[in-house]
Amino acid sequence: MQARLRPHLTNSTNFSQFQSAYRQGHCTETALLDVLDNVYTAADKQQVTVLIGLDLSTSFDTVCHQTLLQRLQLEFGVSGTALSWIRSYLTDRKQFVKLGLRKSPETKLEVGVPQGLVLEPLLFAVHCSPAADVIASHGVRHHQYADDTQLHLAMRANNTATGLSTLAACTADVKLWFMQNGLKLNLDKSEALVMGTANQLRSASSLTSVKVAVVDLPVADDIKVLGVLLDRRLTFDKHVSAVARSCNYHAQAIRHIWHLLTMDHVQTLAYSLILSARHAYVLSDETQQAKQLRRRLERRCRQHWYFA
């Protein structure tokens, strides 16, 4: 079922083209590279970029079954046996809490997509696809990966009023859409970051907060986007340091068992658990900056750990 349903949904024109999850040829790395490319392009045009990371509260648990089924039928053309199968998949589920020998009464699940199953994230992406049209209607760029959504808008450093007003209106409409579709935007955990060159950031030094819906978010020094720590000047210094510390932590763990392994096994384990997963992420492209970041990360890792 999943093998036939996934391509049908992801190839639909109503599936958000800026949703990178669950699509062939897309991943967290391509999502982040798209955002970074827009930031670099804006900087070349002497513009700063305001990035807003939106956070949803218990997003997968609040999806309305009826709304999702209607969306699948009317916007994605799922009907007949396939729609009946999904309806059966979603409805008449129950949950309870068990502690030792005690068990709570069963409660019927009226909302939410079943977690831990292969269709869960895909159905959630389908449910949230129309939000992309709400964002695009304001001329704001965005990218999504599952329930992670980043909005970003470029603006002149010495004239940010219009851009900030656009972001406030956009996020207010996005919040309203989420509410109407059974989802809640968690403004307390949403974050804002202003990115640009040193000169551009000096010109925008008065920009200390960004209005998201009805809340003024303070501009952060860095935020984590899809596992990568982005700073205001995109130096990646903090990200490289964090990855090096993480490599050191795991290397120390390997040291505890390396006397039980051959050197070849130790090196294979170090590469598979540390370098391949942490080193390569988002630094795999062949731009000059990516090559410089890889060299810096290699130096930091060598300072933290070695195998001899």
Protein backbone atom coordinates (compact mmCIF):
# COMPACT_ATOMS: atom_id res chain seq x y z
CA MET A 1 0.00 0.00 0.00
CA GLN A 2 2.71 2.45 0.98
CA ALA A 3 4.69 1.72 -2.20
CA ARG A 4 1.73 2.80 -4.34
CA LEU A 5 0.42 5.60 -2.14
CA ARG A 6 3.71 7.47 -1.59
CA PRO A 7 4.49 8.27 -5.27
CA HIS A 8 0.85 9.16 -5.91
CA LEU A 9 0.83 11.72 -3.08
CA THR A 10 4.33 13.18 -3.48
CA ASN A 11 3.94 13.59 -7.26
CA SER A 12 0.70 15.50 -6.86
CA THR A 13 0.80 19.20 -7.65
CA ASN A 14 -0.95 19.78 -4.32
CA PHE A 15 1.93 18.24 -2.37
CA SER A 16 4.16 21.12 -1.26
CA GLN A 17 7.23 21.39 -3.49
CA PHE A 18 9.10 22.77 -0.48
CA GLN A 19 8.47 19.68 1.63
CA SER A 20 11.71 17.69 1.62
CA ALA A 21 10.62 14.79 3.80
CA TYR A 22 9.56 11.44 2.31
CA ARG A 23 10.43 12.44 -1.26
CA GLN A 24 12.96 10.71 -3.47
CA GLY A 25 16.05 12.85 -4.02
CA HIS A 26 15.27 15.07 -1.04
CA CYS A 27 16.61 15.00 2.52
CA THR A 28 17.49 17.29 5.42
CA GLU A 29 20.69 18.26 3.62
CA THR A 30 18.95 19.40 0.43
CA ALA A 31 16.41 21.30 2.55
CA LEU A 32 19.14 23.16 4.43
CA LEU A 33 21.16 23.84 1.27
CA ASP A 34 18.09 25.45 -0.30
CA VAL A 35 17.73 27.79 2.68
CA LEU A 36 21.45 28.63 2.71
CA ASP A 37 21.49 29.31 -1.03
CA ASN A 38 18.73 31.89 -0.58
CA VAL A 39 20.65 33.51 2.30
CA TYR A 40 23.89 33.75 0.29
CA THR A 41 22.03 35.15 -2.73
CA ALA A 42 20.43 37.82 -0.54
CA ALA A 43 23.81 38.76 0.96
CA ASP A 44 25.22 39.23 -2.55
CA LYS A 45 22.38 41.70 -3.14
CA GLN A 46 23.31 43.62 0.04
CA GLN A 47 20.33 42.24 1.95
CA VAL A 48 20.00 40.58 5.34
CA THR A 49 17.78 37.53 5.75
CA VAL A 50 15.39 37.06 8.64
CA LEU A 51 14.91 33.36 9.36
CA ILE A 52 12.04 32.13 11.57
CA GLY A 53 11.91 28.56 12.80
CA LEU A 54 8.33 27.60 13.65
CA ASP A 55 7.58 24.97 16.26
CA LEU A 56 4.38 22.93 16.41
CA SER A 57 3.07 21.45 19.66
CA THR A 58 2.44 17.68 19.56
CA SER A 59 1.85 18.04 15.84
CA PHE A 60 1.27 14.40 14.89
CA ASP A 61 -1.18 13.89 17.77
CA THR A 62 -3.67 16.58 16.79
CA VAL A 63 -4.44 15.82 13.13
CA CYS A 64 -8.21 15.67 12.59
CA HIS A 65 -9.12 12.40 10.85
CA GLN A 66 -12.07 13.84 8.97
CA THR A 67 -10.09 16.81 7.66
CA LEU A 68 -7.25 14.56 6.54
CA LEU A 69 -9.59 12.15 4.74
CA GLN A 70 -11.36 15.01 2.95
CA ARG A 71 -8.01 16.45 1.89
CA LEU A 72 -6.85 13.09 0.55
CA GLN A 73 -10.04 12.74 -1.47
CA LEU A 74 -10.60 16.28 -2.75
CA GLU A 75 -7.03 17.54 -3.18
CA PHE A 76 -5.03 14.36 -3.82
CA GLY A 77 -7.54 12.21 -5.66
CA VAL A 78 -7.51 9.26 -3.26
CA SER A 79 -10.81 7.42 -3.46
CA GLY A 80 -12.48 4.02 -3.47
CA THR A 81 -10.70 1.13 -1.81
CA ALA A 82 -7.57 3.18 -1.08
CA LEU A 83 -9.52 5.84 0.82
CA SER A 84 -11.53 3.20 2.69
CA TRP A 85 -8.30 1.47 3.69
CA ILE A 86 -6.84 4.72 5.06
CA ARG A 87 -10.10 5.46 6.90
CA SER A 88 -9.93 2.02 8.50
CA TYR A 89 -6.25 2.60 9.28
CA LEU A 90 -6.98 5.85 11.13
CA THR A 91 -10.28 5.20 12.92
CA ASP A 92 -11.42 3.01 15.81
CA ARG A 93 -8.03 3.07 17.52
CA LYS A 94 -7.81 3.05 21.30
CA GLN A 95 -5.12 3.70 23.87
CA PHE A 96 -4.54 3.06 27.55
CA VAL A 97 -1.83 3.45 30.17
CA LYS A 98 -0.43 0.45 32.01
CA LEU A 99 1.76 0.62 35.10
CA GLY A 100 2.74 -2.71 36.57
CA LEU A 101 -0.46 -4.71 36.93
CA ARG A 102 -2.70 -1.66 36.79
CA LYS A 103 -4.32 -0.52 33.56
CA SER A 104 -6.35 2.59 32.81
CA PRO A 105 -9.66 2.50 30.93
CA GLU A 106 -9.35 2.52 27.15
CA THR A 107 -9.87 5.83 25.35
CA LYS A 108 -10.85 6.12 21.71
CA LEU A 109 -8.48 8.19 19.59
CA GLU A 110 -10.46 10.79 17.69
CA VAL A 111 -7.45 12.69 16.36
CA GLY A 112 -3.82 12.07 15.47
CA VAL A 113 -1.99 9.80 13.04
CA PRO A 114 -0.66 6.51 14.47
CA GLN A 115 2.96 6.98 15.52
CA GLY A 116 5.78 4.59 14.76
CA LEU A 117 4.23 3.43 11.50
CA VAL A 118 5.48 4.11 7.97
CA LEU A 119 2.46 6.15 6.83
CA GLU A 120 2.47 8.52 9.82
CA PRO A 121 4.90 11.18 8.52
CA LEU A 122 3.58 11.02 4.97
CA LEU A 123 -0.02 11.59 6.05
CA PHE A 124 1.09 14.48 8.24
CA ALA A 125 2.90 16.08 5.29
CA VAL A 126 -0.25 15.75 3.20
CA HIS A 127 -2.31 17.31 5.99
CA CYS A 128 0.03 20.34 6.19
CA SER A 129 0.60 20.86 2.45
CA PRO A 130 -1.91 23.75 2.07
CA ALA A 131 0.09 25.79 4.60
CA ALA A 132 2.68 26.28 1.85
CA ASP A 133 0.12 28.24 -0.20
CA VAL A 134 -0.65 30.47 2.80
CA ILE A 135 3.05 31.29 3.20
CA ALA A 136 3.64 31.81 -0.54
CA SER A 137 0.69 34.23 -0.76
CA HIS A 138 2.74 36.71 1.30
CA GLY A 139 5.83 36.40 -0.91
CA VAL A 140 7.77 34.73 1.92
CA ARG A 141 10.17 31.90 1.15
CA HIS A 142 10.00 28.76 3.24
CA HIS A 143 11.07 25.16 3.51
CA GLN A 144 9.60 22.21 5.38
CA TYR A 145 10.89 18.93 6.63
CA ALA A 146 8.05 16.98 8.23
CA ASP A 147 6.80 19.29 11.02
CA ASP A 148 9.88 21.57 10.89
CA THR A 149 9.09 24.78 9.02
CA GLN A 150 11.50 27.63 8.33
CA LEU A 151 10.32 30.96 6.94
CA HIS A 152 12.86 33.39 5.55
CA LEU A 153 12.65 36.78 3.91
CA ALA A 154 15.41 39.01 2.53
CA MET A 155 15.30 42.76 3.14
CA ARG A 156 17.47 45.84 3.07
CA ALA A 157 19.46 46.17 6.28
CA ASN A 158 18.66 49.87 6.61
CA ASN A 159 14.96 49.46 5.78
CA THR A 160 13.47 46.43 7.48
CA ALA A 161 10.04 47.80 8.39
CA THR A 162 8.22 46.52 5.28
CA GLY A 163 9.80 43.08 5.48
CA LEU A 164 9.04 42.70 9.17
CA SER A 165 5.44 43.73 8.59
CA THR A 166 5.16 41.08 5.87
CA LEU A 167 6.54 38.41 8.21
CA ALA A 168 4.14 39.43 10.98
CA ALA A 169 1.14 39.19 8.64
CA CYS A 170 2.38 35.89 7.18
CA THR A 171 2.94 34.22 10.55
CA ALA A 172 -0.45 35.46 11.80
CA ASP A 173 -2.15 33.79 8.82
CA VAL A 174 -0.07 30.63 9.27
CA LYS A 175 -1.03 30.47 12.93
CA LEU A 176 -4.70 30.89 11.98
CA TRP A 177 -4.45 28.12 9.36
CA PHE A 178 -2.87 25.77 11.88
CA MET A 179 -5.65 26.50 14.39
CA GLN A 180 -8.34 25.89 11.79
CA ASN A 181 -6.73 22.55 10.95
CA GLY A 182 -6.32 21.27 14.50
CA LEU A 183 -2.67 22.23 14.94
CA LYS A 184 -1.07 24.61 17.42
CA LEU A 185 1.86 26.90 16.73
CA ASN A 186 4.13 26.96 19.77
CA LEU A 187 5.43 30.54 19.78
CA ASP A 188 7.40 30.00 23.00
CA LYS A 189 9.69 27.56 21.19
CA SER A 190 9.79 29.34 17.82
CA GLU A 191 13.01 31.23 17.07
CA ALA A 192 14.26 34.10 14.91
CA LEU A 193 17.69 34.80 13.43
CA VAL A 194 19.05 37.64 11.28
CA MET A 195 21.80 36.58 8.86
CA GLY A 196 24.16 38.52 6.63
CA THR A 197 27.69 39.86 6.32
CA ALA A 198 29.36 41.74 9.16
CA ASN A 199 28.66 45.12 7.53
CA GLN A 200 25.06 44.22 6.79
CA LEU A 201 24.48 43.08 10.36
CA ARG A 202 25.93 46.32 11.70
CA SER A 203 23.45 48.24 9.56
CA ALA A 204 20.65 46.10 10.97
CA SER A 205 21.85 46.29 14.58
CA SER A 206 18.61 47.98 15.64
CA LEU A 207 16.70 44.84 14.68
CA THR A 208 16.53 43.06 18.04
CA SER A 209 13.14 41.34 17.80
CA VAL A 210 10.80 39.94 15.16
CA LYS A 211 7.02 39.81 15.50
CA VAL A 212 5.73 36.29 14.86
CA ALA A 213 1.93 36.31 14.84
CA VAL A 214 1.28 38.33 18.01
CA VAL A 215 4.53 37.62 19.87
CA ASP A 216 7.80 39.55 19.66
CA LEU A 217 10.59 36.99 19.41
CA PRO A 218 14.07 38.18 20.40
CA VAL A 219 16.66 37.78 17.68
CA ALA A 220 18.94 34.90 18.66
CA ASP A 221 22.68 34.62 18.12
CA ASP A 222 22.21 31.15 16.64
CA ILE A 223 19.47 28.60 16.08
CA LYS A 224 19.49 24.91 15.23
CA VAL A 225 17.92 24.08 11.89
CA LEU A 226 17.58 20.41 10.96
CA GLY A 227 20.45 19.45 13.24
CA VAL A 228 22.83 22.22 12.12
CA LEU A 229 23.67 25.22 14.30
CA LEU A 230 23.38 28.37 12.19
CA ASP A 231 24.93 31.62 13.41
CA ARG A 232 24.30 35.17 12.25
CA ARG A 233 27.28 35.34 9.87
CA LEU A 234 27.08 31.69 8.79
CA THR A 235 30.61 30.98 9.94
CA PHE A 236 29.52 27.57 11.27
CA ASP A 237 32.07 27.99 14.08
CA LYS A 238 29.63 26.88 16.77
CA HIS A 239 28.41 23.99 14.66
CA VAL A 240 31.94 22.75 13.98
CA SER A 241 32.80 23.03 17.70
CA ALA A 242 29.64 21.15 18.67
CA VAL A 243 30.34 18.35 16.18
CA ALA A 244 33.95 18.09 17.36
CA ARG A 245 32.79 17.78 20.98
CA SER A 246 30.30 15.12 19.96
CA CYS A 247 33.02 13.23 18.08
CA ASN A 248 35.20 13.38 21.17
CA TYR A 249 32.40 12.01 23.34
CA HIS A 250 31.82 9.02 21.07
CA ALA A 251 35.55 8.46 20.62
CA GLN A 252 35.95 8.23 24.38
CA ALA A 253 33.18 5.62 24.44
CA ILE A 254 34.97 3.61 21.76
CA ARG A 255 38.20 3.78 23.76
CA HIS A 256 36.54 1.79 26.53
CA ILE A 257 36.13 -1.21 24.25
CA TRP A 258 38.98 -0.84 21.74
CA HIS A 259 41.16 -3.34 23.60
CA LEU A 260 38.56 -5.93 22.61
CA LEU A 261 38.77 -5.05 18.91
CA THR A 262 41.33 -5.14 16.13
CA MET A 263 42.64 -1.80 14.86
CA ASP A 264 40.77 -2.26 11.60
CA HIS A 265 37.52 -2.73 13.54
CA VAL A 266 38.24 0.34 15.69
CA GLN A 267 38.84 2.51 12.64
CA THR A 268 35.74 1.16 10.90
CA LEU A 269 33.64 1.81 14.00
CA ALA A 270 35.05 5.32 14.40
CA TYR A 271 34.28 6.18 10.79
CA SER A 272 30.78 4.70 10.74
CA LEU A 273 29.65 6.10 14.10
CA ILE A 274 31.45 9.44 14.09
CA LEU A 275 32.79 10.72 10.80
CA SER A 276 30.31 9.43 8.24
CA ALA A 277 27.22 10.53 10.16
CA ARG A 278 28.45 13.74 11.80
CA HIS A 279 31.28 14.96 9.62
CA ALA A 280 29.63 14.64 6.21
CA TYR A 281 26.23 16.12 7.09
CA VAL A 282 25.62 19.36 5.19
CA LEU A 283 29.32 19.58 4.29
CA SER A 284 29.23 17.16 1.38
CA ASP A 285 28.91 19.68 -1.43
CA GLU A 286 32.00 20.86 -3.29
CA THR A 287 31.80 24.61 -2.72
CA GLN A 288 34.90 26.35 -1.44
CA GLN A 289 33.20 27.12 1.86
CA ALA A 290 32.19 23.49 2.37
CA LYS A 291 35.77 22.36 1.72
CA GLN A 292 37.08 24.90 4.26
CA LEU A 293 34.52 23.73 6.82
CA ARG A 294 35.55 20.11 6.31
CA ARG A 295 39.21 20.99 6.88
CA ARG A 296 38.33 22.93 10.05
CA LEU A 297 36.23 20.06 11.34
CA GLU A 298 38.99 17.55 10.62
CA ARG A 299 41.47 19.69 12.56
CA ARG A 300 39.10 20.01 15.51
CA CYS A 301 38.45 16.26 15.55
CA ARG A 302 42.17 15.50 15.51
CA GLN A 303 42.62 17.86 18.48
CA HIS A 304 39.91 16.00 20.41
CA TRP A 305 40.74 12.36 19.69
CA TYR A 306 43.07 9.94 17.95
CA PHE A 307 43.54 6.22 17.55
CA ALA A 308 47.08 4.85 17.70
